[in-house]
C-alpha atoms as a PDB file:
ATOM      1  CA  MET A   1     -69.886   1.928 -37.257  1.00  0.00           C
ATOM      2  CA  ALA A   2     -69.338  -0.746 -39.909  1.00  0.00           C
ATOM      3  CA  ASN A   3     -66.163  -0.819 -42.084  1.00  0.00           C
ATOM      4  CA  ILE A   4     -67.055   1.031 -45.386  1.00  0.00           C
ATOM      5  CA  PRO A   5     -65.885  -1.216 -48.458  1.00  0.00           C
ATOM      6  CA  LYS A   6     -62.572   0.271 -50.101  1.00  0.00           C
ATOM      7  CA  PHE A   7     -64.365   0.176 -53.523  1.00  0.00           C
ATOM      8  CA  VAL A   8     -66.930   2.521 -52.079  1.00  0.00           C
ATOM      9  CA  LYS A   9     -64.146   4.745 -50.897  1.00  0.00           C
ATOM     10  CA  ALA A  10     -62.508   4.676 -54.356  1.00  0.00           C
ATOM     11  CA  LYS A  11     -65.749   4.967 -56.191  1.00  0.00           C
ATOM     12  CA  GLU A  12     -65.575   8.675 -57.070  1.00  0.00           C
ATOM     13  CA  ARG A  13     -61.737   8.310 -58.300  1.00  0.00           C
ATOM     14  CA  ILE A  14     -62.614   5.024 -60.333  1.00  0.00           C
ATOM     15  CA  SER A  15     -65.576   6.860 -61.812  1.00  0.00           C
ATOM     16  CA  SER A  16     -63.602   9.844 -62.869  1.00  0.00           C
ATOM     17  CA  TYR A  17     -61.026   7.657 -64.358  1.00  0.00           C
ATOM     18  CA  PHE A  18     -63.294   6.127 -66.662  1.00  0.00           C
ATOM     19  CA  ASN A  19     -65.279   9.297 -67.370  1.00  0.00           C
ATOM     20  CA  GLN A  20     -61.867  11.055 -68.449  1.00  0.00           C
ATOM     21  CA  ARG A  21     -60.998   8.303 -70.822  1.00  0.00           C
ATOM     22  CA  TRP A  22     -61.777   8.247 -74.457  1.00  0.00           C
ATOM     23  CA  GLU A  23     -62.683   4.620 -74.581  1.00  0.00           C
ATOM     24  CA  MET A  24     -66.270   3.855 -74.181  1.00  0.00           C
ATOM     25  CA  VAL A  25     -66.040   0.172 -74.706  1.00  0.00           C
ATOM     26  CA  TYR A  26     -63.621  -2.312 -73.249  1.00  0.00           C
ATOM     27  CA  ARG A  27     -63.038  -5.923 -73.946  1.00  0.00           C
ATOM     28  CA  ILE A  28     -62.087  -8.203 -71.000  1.00  0.00           C
ATOM     29  CA  GLN A  29     -58.404  -8.060 -71.510  1.00  0.00           C
ATOM     30  CA  GLU A  30     -58.407  -4.318 -71.634  1.00  0.00           C
ATOM     31  CA  LEU A  31     -60.402  -3.959 -68.359  1.00  0.00           C
ATOM     32  CA  GLN A  32     -58.159  -6.453 -66.798  1.00  0.00           C
ATOM     33  CA  THR A  33     -55.225  -4.331 -67.552  1.00  0.00           C
ATOM     34  CA  VAL A  34     -56.891  -1.290 -66.078  1.00  0.00           C
ATOM     35  CA  PHE A  35     -57.932  -3.152 -62.971  1.00  0.00           C
ATOM     36  CA  TYR A  36     -54.318  -4.532 -62.365  1.00  0.00           C
ATOM     37  CA  ASN A  37     -52.528  -1.322 -63.241  1.00  0.00           C
ATOM     38  CA  ASN A  38     -54.775   0.898 -60.876  1.00  0.00           C
ATOM     39  CA  LYS A  39     -55.600  -1.593 -57.962  1.00  0.00           C
ATOM     40  CA  THR A  40     -52.846  -0.384 -55.666  1.00  0.00           C
ATOM     41  CA  GLN A  41     -53.490   3.205 -56.436  1.00  0.00           C
ATOM     42  CA  TRP A  42     -57.336   3.011 -55.699  1.00  0.00           C
ATOM     43  CA  GLN A  43     -56.201   1.195 -52.437  1.00  0.00           C
ATOM     44  CA  LEU A  44     -58.717  -1.674 -53.311  1.00  0.00           C
ATOM     45  CA  SER A  45     -58.715  -4.571 -51.007  1.00  0.00           C
ATOM     46  CA  ASN A  46     -56.128  -7.336 -51.687  1.00  0.00           C
ATOM     47  CA  SER A  47     -58.839  -9.936 -51.814  1.00  0.00           C
ATOM     48  CA  MET A  48     -60.830  -8.029 -54.555  1.00  0.00           C
ATOM     49  CA  THR A  49     -60.616 -10.238 -57.735  1.00  0.00           C
ATOM     50  CA  PHE A  50     -61.130  -8.933 -61.209  1.00  0.00           C
ATOM     51  CA  ASP A  51     -64.723 -10.498 -61.236  1.00  0.00           C
ATOM     52  CA  SER A  52     -65.792  -8.817 -58.044  1.00  0.00           C
ATOM     53  CA  PHE A  53     -64.252  -5.628 -59.432  1.00  0.00           C
ATOM     54  CA  THR A  54     -66.540  -5.628 -62.541  1.00  0.00           C
ATOM     55  CA  GLU A  55     -69.479  -6.567 -60.327  1.00  0.00           C
ATOM     56  CA  SER A  56     -68.828  -3.592 -58.311  1.00  0.00           C
ATOM     57  CA  LEU A  57     -68.569  -1.454 -61.456  1.00  0.00           C
ATOM     58  CA  GLN A  58     -71.994  -2.791 -62.737  1.00  0.00           C
ATOM     59  CA  LYS A  59     -73.586  -2.041 -59.314  1.00  0.00           C
ATOM     60  CA  ALA A  60     -72.118   1.484 -59.208  1.00  0.00           C
ATOM     61  CA  GLY A  61     -73.328   2.346 -62.654  1.00  0.00           C
ATOM     62  CA  ILE A  62     -69.865   2.981 -63.966  1.00  0.00           C
ATOM     63  CA  LEU A  63     -69.885   0.192 -66.606  1.00  0.00           C
ATOM     64  CA  THR A  64     -72.439  -2.197 -68.083  1.00  0.00           C
ATOM     65  CA  ARG A  65     -71.839  -5.745 -69.037  1.00  0.00           C
ATOM     66  CA  ASN A  66     -72.988  -6.702 -72.499  1.00  0.00           C
ATOM     67  CA  GLU A  67     -73.068 -10.099 -73.882  1.00  0.00           C
ATOM     68  CA  LEU A  68     -73.245 -10.463 -77.616  1.00  0.00           C
ATOM     69  CA  GLU A  69     -74.387 -13.779 -79.119  1.00  0.00           C
ATOM     70  CA  LEU A  70     -71.955 -15.240 -81.630  1.00  0.00           C
ATOM     71  CA  HIS A  71     -73.382 -17.184 -84.577  1.00  0.00           C
ATOM     72  CA  GLU A  72     -71.838 -19.058 -87.582  1.00  0.00           C
ATOM     73  CA  ALA A  73     -74.264 -19.964 -90.301  1.00  0.00           C
ATOM     74  CA  ASN A  74     -77.402 -19.333 -88.008  1.00  0.00           C
ATOM     75  CA  ASN A  75     -75.926 -21.487 -85.232  1.00  0.00           C
ATOM     76  CA  MET A  76     -75.043 -19.878 -82.054  1.00  0.00           C
ATOM     77  CA  THR A  77     -71.502 -20.735 -81.153  1.00  0.00           C
ATOM     78  CA  GLY A  78     -70.890 -18.663 -78.050  1.00  0.00           C
ATOM     79  CA  THR A  79     -70.883 -15.191 -76.521  1.00  0.00           C
ATOM     80  CA  LYS A  80     -68.625 -12.184 -76.652  1.00  0.00           C
ATOM     81  CA  VAL A  81     -68.340  -9.991 -73.353  1.00  0.00           C
ATOM     82  CA  LEU A  82     -67.949  -6.339 -73.733  1.00  0.00           C
ATOM     83  CA  PHE A  83     -68.187  -3.616 -70.884  1.00  0.00           C
ATOM     84  CA  SER A  84     -69.226  -0.250 -71.853  1.00  0.00           C
ATOM     85  CA  ARG A  85     -69.773   3.200 -70.411  1.00  0.00           C
ATOM     86  CA  PRO A  86     -73.393   4.719 -70.125  1.00  0.00           C
ATOM     87  CA  GLY A  87     -74.657   6.091 -73.394  1.00  0.00           C
ATOM     88  CA  SER A  88     -72.689   3.437 -75.368  1.00  0.00           C
ATOM     89  CA  THR A  89     -74.569   2.441 -78.703  1.00  0.00           C
ATOM     90  CA  PRO A  90     -74.625  -0.668 -80.847  1.00  0.00           C
ATOM     91  CA  LEU A  91     -72.215   0.953 -83.284  1.00  0.00           C
ATOM     92  CA  MET A  92     -69.666   1.616 -80.378  1.00  0.00           C
ATOM     93  CA  LEU A  93     -69.947  -1.912 -79.425  1.00  0.00           C
ATOM     94  CA  ALA A  94     -69.566  -3.423 -82.848  1.00  0.00           C
ATOM     95  CA  SER A  95     -66.488  -0.998 -83.470  1.00  0.00           C
ATOM     96  CA  GLY A  96     -64.740  -2.321 -80.350  1.00  0.00           C
ATOM     97  CA  LEU A  97     -65.570  -6.063 -80.867  1.00  0.00           C
ATOM     98  CA  TYR A  98     -62.059  -7.022 -81.727  1.00  0.00           C
ATOM     99  CA  PRO A  99     -58.719  -4.935 -81.382  1.00  0.00           C
ATOM    100  CA  LYS A 100     -58.312  -4.573 -85.117  1.00  0.00           C
ATOM    101  CA  ALA A 101     -62.108  -4.170 -85.744  1.00  0.00           C
ATOM    102  CA  TYR A 102     -63.709  -1.180 -87.492  1.00  0.00           C
ATOM    103  CA  LEU A 103     -66.922  -0.424 -89.314  1.00  0.00           C
ATOM    104  CA  SER A 104     -67.030  -0.668 -92.993  1.00  0.00           C
ATOM    105  CA  HIS A 105     -69.087  -1.026 -96.179  1.00  0.00           C
ATOM    106  CA  PHE A 106     -72.766  -0.089 -95.798  1.00  0.00           C
ATOM    107  CA  THR A 107     -72.241   0.895 -92.133  1.00  0.00           C
ATOM    108  CA  ALA A 108     -69.315   3.258 -93.217  1.00  0.00           C
ATOM    109  CA  LEU A 109     -71.346   4.558 -96.326  1.00  0.00           C
ATOM    110  CA  PHE A 110     -73.895   5.703 -93.834  1.00  0.00           C
ATOM    111  CA  LEU A 111     -71.283   7.251 -91.174  1.00  0.00           C
ATOM    112  CA  ASN A 112     -69.615   9.083 -94.238  1.00  0.00           C
ATOM    113  CA  ASN A 113     -73.084  10.596 -95.307  1.00  0.00           C
ATOM    114  CA  LEU A 114     -72.502   8.562 -98.471  1.00  0.00           C
ATOM    115  CA  THR A 115     -76.102   7.396 -98.316  1.00  0.00           C
ATOM    116  CA  GLU A 116     -79.483   8.190 -96.943  1.00  0.00           C
ATOM    117  CA  GLN A 117     -80.528   4.607 -96.475  1.00  0.00           C
ATOM    118  CA  ILE A 118     -80.310   3.352 -93.012  1.00  0.00           C
ATOM    119  CA  PRO A 119     -78.577  -0.127 -93.007  1.00  0.00           C
ATOM    120  CA  LYS A 120     -80.516  -2.885 -91.383  1.00  0.00           C
ATOM    121  CA  LYS A 121     -77.292  -4.399 -89.959  1.00  0.00           C
ATOM    122  CA  ILE A 122     -73.845  -3.406 -88.791  1.00  0.00           C
ATOM    123  CA  TYR A 123     -70.872  -4.434 -91.002  1.00  0.00           C
ATOM    124  CA  VAL A 124     -67.584  -4.751 -88.835  1.00  0.00           C
ATOM    125  CA  THR A 125     -64.216  -5.773 -90.599  1.00  0.00           C
ATOM    126  CA  ASN A 126     -61.694  -7.600 -88.471  1.00  0.00           C
ATOM    127  CA  GLU A 127     -58.277  -7.417 -90.187  1.00  0.00           C
ATOM    128  CA  GLN A 128     -56.268 -10.772 -90.400  1.00  0.00           C
ATOM    129  CA  SER A 129     -52.588 -10.744 -89.569  1.00  0.00           C
ATOM    130  CA  LYS A 130     -50.188 -10.081 -92.279  1.00  0.00           C
ATOM    131  CA  LYS A 131     -49.511 -13.240 -94.590  1.00  0.00           C
ATOM    132  CA  PRO A 132     -46.805 -13.988 -96.998  1.00  0.00           C
ATOM    133  CA  PHE A 133     -47.400 -12.843-100.683  1.00  0.00           C
ATOM    134  CA  LYS A 134     -48.364 -15.865-102.792  1.00  0.00           C
ATOM    135  CA  GLY A 135     -47.831 -14.261-106.198  1.00  0.00           C
ATOM    136  CA  THR A 136     -51.381 -14.550-107.226  1.00  0.00           C
ATOM    137  CA  ILE A 137     -51.620 -13.381-111.070  1.00  0.00           C
ATOM    138  CA  ALA A 138     -54.834 -12.198-112.583  1.00  0.00           C
ATOM    139  CA  SER A 139     -56.107 -13.948-115.844  1.00  0.00           C
ATOM    140  CA  GLN A 140     -59.104 -13.269-117.955  1.00  0.00           C
ATOM    141  CA  GLN A 141     -60.170 -16.860-117.264  1.00  0.00           C
ATOM    142  CA  ALA A 142     -59.772 -16.607-113.278  1.00  0.00           C
ATOM    143  CA  ILE A 143     -61.782 -13.277-113.452  1.00  0.00           C
ATOM    144  CA  ASP A 144     -64.614 -14.914-115.500  1.00  0.00           C
ATOM    145  CA  ASN A 145     -64.808 -17.969-113.242  1.00  0.00           C
ATOM    146  CA  ALA A 146     -64.746 -15.612-110.056  1.00  0.00           C
ATOM    147  CA  PHE A 147     -67.476 -13.254-111.089  1.00  0.00           C
ATOM    148  CA  ALA A 148     -69.692 -15.790-112.721  1.00  0.00           C
ATOM    149  CA  LYS A 149     -70.864 -16.936-109.216  1.00  0.00           C
ATOM    150  CA  GLU A 150     -72.435 -14.995-106.615  1.00  0.00           C
ATOM    151  CA  GLN A 151     -70.445 -12.990-104.046  1.00  0.00           C
ATOM    152  CA  LYS A 152     -69.510 -15.263-101.311  1.00  0.00           C
ATOM    153  CA  VAL A 153     -70.813 -13.446 -98.062  1.00  0.00           C
ATOM    154  CA  SER A 154     -69.558 -14.050 -94.443  1.00  0.00           C
ATOM    155  CA  GLU A 155     -71.897 -16.081 -92.198  1.00  0.00           C
ATOM    156  CA  THR A 156     -70.425 -14.982 -88.976  1.00  0.00           C
ATOM    157  CA  PHE A 157     -72.193 -12.652 -86.957  1.00  0.00           C
ATOM    158  CA  ALA A 158     -73.151 -11.148 -83.521  1.00  0.00           C
ATOM    159  CA  VAL A 159     -76.314 -10.101 -82.227  1.00  0.00           C
ATOM    160  CA  PHE A 160     -76.918  -7.357 -79.623  1.00  0.00           C
ATOM    161  CA  GLU A 161     -80.307  -6.435 -78.533  1.00  0.00           C
ATOM    162  CA  GLY A 162     -81.779  -7.589 -81.669  1.00  0.00           C
ATOM    163  CA  THR A 163     -79.056  -5.755 -83.995  1.00  0.00           C
ATOM    164  CA  GLN A 164     -77.280  -8.235 -86.179  1.00  0.00           C
ATOM    165  CA  ILE A 165     -73.524  -7.442 -86.556  1.00  0.00           C
ATOM    166  CA  SER A 166     -71.997  -8.972 -89.551  1.00  0.00           C
ATOM    167  CA  ILE A 167     -68.403  -9.853 -88.838  1.00  0.00           C
ATOM    168  CA  LEU A 168     -66.070  -9.803 -92.053  1.00  0.00           C
ATOM    169  CA  THR A 169     -62.668 -11.024 -92.337  1.00  0.00           C
ATOM    170  CA  GLY A 170     -60.447  -8.283 -94.008  1.00  0.00           C
ATOM    171  CA  LYS A 171     -57.051  -8.477 -95.633  1.00  0.00           C
ATOM    172  CA  ASN A 172     -54.272  -6.750 -93.728  1.00  0.00           C
ATOM    173  CA  THR A 173     -53.962  -3.211 -94.701  1.00  0.00           C
ATOM    174  CA  GLN A 174     -52.751  -1.816 -91.236  1.00  0.00           C
ATOM    175  CA  ARG A 175     -56.117  -0.364 -90.856  1.00  0.00           C
ATOM    176  CA  LEU A 176     -55.577   1.811 -93.997  1.00  0.00           C
ATOM    177  CA  GLY A 177     -57.945   4.640 -94.117  1.00  0.00           C
ATOM    178  CA  VAL A 178     -59.478   4.115 -90.679  1.00  0.00           C
ATOM    179  CA  TYR A 179     -60.996   6.855 -88.856  1.00  0.00           C
ATOM    180  CA  THR A 180     -61.930   7.287 -85.348  1.00  0.00           C
ATOM    181  CA  ASP A 181     -64.446   9.902 -84.740  1.00  0.00           C
ATOM    182  CA  ASN A 182     -65.433  11.819 -81.226  1.00  0.00           C
ATOM    183  CA  ASP A 183     -67.516   8.939 -80.123  1.00  0.00           C
ATOM    184  CA  ASN A 184     -64.416   6.669 -80.406  1.00  0.00           C
ATOM    185  CA  ILE A 185     -66.181   4.699 -83.110  1.00  0.00           C
ATOM    186  CA  ASN A 186     -63.630   3.353 -85.774  1.00  0.00           C
ATOM    187  CA  TYR A 187     -64.700   3.231 -89.539  1.00  0.00           C
ATOM    188  CA  THR A 188     -63.329   3.743 -92.843  1.00  0.00           C
ATOM    189  CA  ASN A 189     -62.939   7.180 -94.120  1.00  0.00           C
ATOM    190  CA  VAL A 190     -64.726   8.118 -97.626  1.00  0.00           C
ATOM    191  CA  TYR A 191     -61.966   6.941 -99.957  1.00  0.00           C
ATOM    192  CA  ARG A 192     -61.536   3.664 -98.309  1.00  0.00           C
ATOM    193  CA  THR A 193     -65.113   3.060 -98.073  1.00  0.00           C
ATOM    194  CA  LEU A 194     -65.849   3.888-101.696  1.00  0.00           C
ATOM    195  CA  ILE A 195     -63.064   1.376-102.541  1.00  0.00           C
ATOM    196  CA  ASP A 196     -64.587  -1.384-100.233  1.00  0.00           C
ATOM    197  CA  ALA A 197     -68.120  -0.922-101.612  1.00  0.00           C
ATOM    198  CA  THR A 198     -66.657  -1.328-105.086  1.00  0.00           C
ATOM    199  CA  VAL A 199     -64.991  -4.500-104.250  1.00  0.00           C
ATOM    200  CA  ARG A 200     -67.713  -6.083-102.204  1.00  0.00           C
ATOM    201  CA  PRO A 201     -70.982  -4.700-103.227  1.00  0.00           C
ATOM    202  CA  ALA A 202     -73.009  -7.367-101.591  1.00  0.00           C
ATOM    203  CA  TYR A 203     -71.897  -5.634 -98.267  1.00  0.00           C
ATOM    204  CA  SER A 204     -72.717  -2.208 -99.641  1.00  0.00           C
ATOM    205  CA  GLY A 205     -76.417  -2.331-100.890  1.00  0.00           C
ATOM    206  CA  GLY A 206     -75.487  -3.508-104.476  1.00  0.00           C
ATOM    207  CA  PRO A 207     -74.090  -1.399-107.351  1.00  0.00           C
ATOM    208  CA  GLN A 208     -76.697   1.192-107.714  1.00  0.00           C
ATOM    209  CA  VAL A 209     -76.167   2.049-103.969  1.00  0.00           C
ATOM    210  CA  VAL A 210     -72.615   2.394-104.673  1.00  0.00           C
ATOM    211  CA  LEU A 211     -73.099   4.549-107.697  1.00  0.00           C
ATOM    212  CA  ASN A 212     -75.072   6.909-105.650  1.00  0.00           C
ATOM    213  CA  SER A 213     -72.415   7.042-103.104  1.00  0.00           C
ATOM    214  CA  PHE A 214     -69.990   7.967-105.742  1.00  0.00           C
ATOM    215  CA  LYS A 215     -72.375  10.838-106.549  1.00  0.00           C
ATOM    216  CA  ASN A 216     -72.687  11.797-102.974  1.00  0.00           C
ATOM    217  CA  ALA A 217     -68.978  11.872-102.496  1.00  0.00           C
ATOM    218  CA  LEU A 218     -68.395  14.074-105.280  1.00  0.00           C
ATOM    219  CA  ASP A 219     -70.570  16.755-103.669  1.00  0.00           C
ATOM    220  CA  GLN A 220     -68.453  16.852-100.586  1.00  0.00           C
ATOM    221  CA  THR A 221     -66.151  19.717-101.656  1.00  0.00           C
ATOM    222  CA  ASP A 222     -62.889  18.350-100.066  1.00  0.00           C
ATOM    223  CA  PHE A 223     -62.990  15.169-102.169  1.00  0.00           C
ATOM    224  CA  SER A 224     -59.416  14.481-103.208  1.00  0.00           C
ATOM    225  CA  ILE A 225     -58.795  12.391-106.140  1.00  0.00           C
ATOM    226  CA  ASN A 226     -55.077  12.304-105.046  1.00  0.00           C
ATOM    227  CA  LYS A 227     -55.945  10.807-101.651  1.00  0.00           C
ATOM    228  CA  PHE A 228     -58.417   8.492-103.391  1.00  0.00           C
ATOM    229  CA  THR A 229     -55.727   7.180-105.813  1.00  0.00           C
ATOM    230  CA  ALA A 230     -53.101   6.860-103.171  1.00  0.00           C
ATOM    231  CA  THR A 231     -55.484   4.701-101.168  1.00  0.00           C
ATOM    232  CA  LEU A 232     -56.227   2.523-104.115  1.00  0.00           C
ATOM    233  CA  LYS A 233     -52.686   1.925-104.813  1.00  0.00           C
ATOM    234  CA  ARG A 234     -51.909   0.949-101.323  1.00  0.00           C
ATOM    235  CA  MET A 235     -54.606  -1.659-101.234  1.00  0.00           C
ATOM    236  CA  ASP A 236     -52.624  -3.556-104.024  1.00  0.00           C
ATOM    237  CA  PHE A 237     -55.518  -5.479-105.733  1.00  0.00           C
ATOM    238  CA  VAL A 238     -54.864  -8.397-108.044  1.00  0.00           C
ATOM    239  CA  TYR A 239     -58.149  -7.635-109.749  1.00  0.00           C
ATOM    240  CA  PRO A 240     -58.371  -4.494-111.888  1.00  0.00           C
ATOM    241  CA  TYR A 241     -60.973  -2.576-109.593  1.00  0.00           C
ATOM    242  CA  HIS A 242     -59.816   0.585-111.001  1.00  0.00           C
ATOM    243  CA  GLN A 243     -62.049  -0.269-114.206  1.00  0.00           C
ATOM    244  CA  ALA A 244     -64.934  -0.443-111.916  1.00  0.00           C
ATOM    245  CA  ILE A 245     -64.226   2.720-110.007  1.00  0.00           C
ATOM    246  CA  GLY A 246     -63.665   4.566-113.242  1.00  0.00           C
ATOM    247  CA  PHE A 247     -67.030   3.380-114.637  1.00  0.00           C
ATOM    248  CA  TYR A 248     -68.740   4.667-111.330  1.00  0.00           C
ATOM    249  CA  MET A 249     -66.734   8.025-111.537  1.00  0.00           C
ATOM    250  CA  GLU A 250     -68.009   8.531-115.093  1.00  0.00           C
ATOM    251  CA  ARG A 251     -71.565   7.633-114.504  1.00  0.00           C
ATOM    252  CA  ALA A 252     -71.446   9.765-111.301  1.00  0.00           C
ATOM    253  CA  GLY A 253     -70.331  12.946-113.402  1.00  0.00           C
ATOM    254  CA  TYR A 254     -66.752  13.229-112.137  1.00  0.00           C
ATOM    255  CA  PRO A 255     -64.331  15.750-113.709  1.00  0.00           C
ATOM    256  CA  THR A 256     -62.176  14.345-116.702  1.00  0.00           C
ATOM    257  CA  ARG A 257     -58.994  14.740-114.694  1.00  0.00           C
ATOM    258  CA  TYR A 258     -60.507  12.317-112.087  1.00  0.00           C
ATOM    259  CA  LEU A 259     -61.303   9.764-114.775  1.00  0.00           C
ATOM    260  CA  ASP A 260     -57.910  10.022-116.125  1.00  0.00           C
ATOM    261  CA  ALA A 261     -56.461   8.872-113.021  1.00  0.00           C
ATOM    262  CA  MET A 262     -58.288   5.593-113.276  1.00  0.00           C
ATOM    263  CA  ARG A 263     -56.944   5.207-116.805  1.00  0.00           C
ATOM    264  CA  LEU A 264     -54.690   2.642-115.838  1.00  0.00           C
ATOM    265  CA  PRO A 265     -53.684  -0.384-117.972  1.00  0.00           C
ATOM    266  CA  MET A 266     -56.781  -2.545-118.829  1.00  0.00           C
ATOM    267  CA  PRO A 267     -55.503  -5.775-120.080  1.00  0.00           C
ATOM    268  CA  TYR A 268     -58.694  -7.662-119.122  1.00  0.00           C
ATOM    269  CA  LYS A 269     -62.451  -7.364-119.199  1.00  0.00           C
ATOM    270  CA  PHE A 270     -63.854  -6.959-115.640  1.00  0.00           C
ATOM    271  CA  TYR A 271     -67.157  -6.999-113.828  1.00  0.00           C
ATOM    272  CA  LEU A 272     -68.980  -4.554-111.607  1.00  0.00           C
ATOM    273  CA  ASN A 273     -70.863  -7.267-109.607  1.00  0.00           C
ATOM    274  CA  TYR A 274     -70.855 -11.095-109.103  1.00  0.00           C
ATOM    275  CA  GLY A 275     -73.371 -13.567-110.598  1.00  0.00           C
ATOM    276  CA  MET A 276     -74.863 -11.062-113.028  1.00  0.00           C
ATOM    277  CA  GLN A 277     -77.540 -12.919-115.089  1.00  0.00           C
ATOM    278  CA  TYR A 278     -78.474  -9.869-117.280  1.00  0.00           C
ATOM    279  CA  LYS A 279     -75.604  -7.629-118.018  1.00  0.00           C
ATOM    280  CA  GLU A 280     -74.387  -4.855-120.686  1.00  0.00           C
ATOM    281  CA  TYR A 281     -70.737  -4.006-121.549  1.00  0.00           C
ATOM    282  CA  ASP A 282     -69.028  -0.853-121.264  1.00  0.00           C
ATOM    283  CA  SER A 283     -66.003  -0.942-123.799  1.00  0.00           C
ATOM    284  CA  ASN A 284     -64.708   2.288-122.361  1.00  0.00           C
ATOM    285  CA  TRP A 285     -63.988   0.757-119.054  1.00  0.00           C
ATOM    286  CA  LYS A 286     -63.867  -2.816-120.398  1.00  0.00           C
ATOM    287  CA  ILE A 287     -66.393  -3.696-117.812  1.00  0.00           C
ATOM    288  CA  PHE A 288     -69.779  -5.551-117.576  1.00  0.00           C
ATOM    289  CA  TYR A 289     -72.521  -3.965-115.422  1.00  0.00           C
ATOM    290  CA  PRO A 290     -76.053  -4.876-114.387  1.00  0.00           C
ATOM    291  CA  LYS A 291     -78.484  -4.395-117.504  1.00  0.00           C
ATOM    292  CA  GLY A 292     -80.554  -1.225-117.280  1.00  0.00           C
ATOM    293  CA  MET A 293     -78.162   0.432-114.664  1.00  0.00           C
END
């Protein structure tokens, strides 16, 4: 009788190992750790390499190898390999793209039931490492200059089975407000999502979608203004985004005590969106907003 390959003998134990874990998606480095930490316990052949291990996993239907095309300004720059368990979705793959990655902006609005619009692309934020504080100070001239132009958008994206995954570079927040659901998808919670949408409306469907999202958030009975303001404070913005948030909240019909929490110092006039050609001014929140909104 021919010798039974050691992987075949260990197949049930290996399959059980992955099925009992929460992770649905593995980056190469993570899967290498699994292999080297369990190779002896699974009694795999000494000659089995990591590459032959992954090939065996695929043949056994335990994991699938996925290649995501990486693009920069529409030019393909390479591929990103992820291994996934059966039943994994593009959202799961996008969430597991990088160690510090999480779904954000329009995608998070959808996942938090803050919009009924289905995003055409997936937005994933990859946080940067912590950088030294440069002591940037806002000024009216700096604000006017920044918001006179269109919002600069990321040209980095990945493609998986026809789905575009827009890759955003985010400031280091130590994953503030990031929630992991039962499908092991990482995405920002309601409070962080509303703040991110206010800061970068181009990634969130535009100001009208953001306003509707604030309205939908108010309908969620467990909305906490204390948690919202605590998240905003920890974001530590240079620009006065509390003015934009106060504007949205007032238009969305939030209670007076919620609005009062946003009535922080307003030394500058601010903007709801970038590059507005036609705009109006709300003196209550000292903010310019799209005309007709």
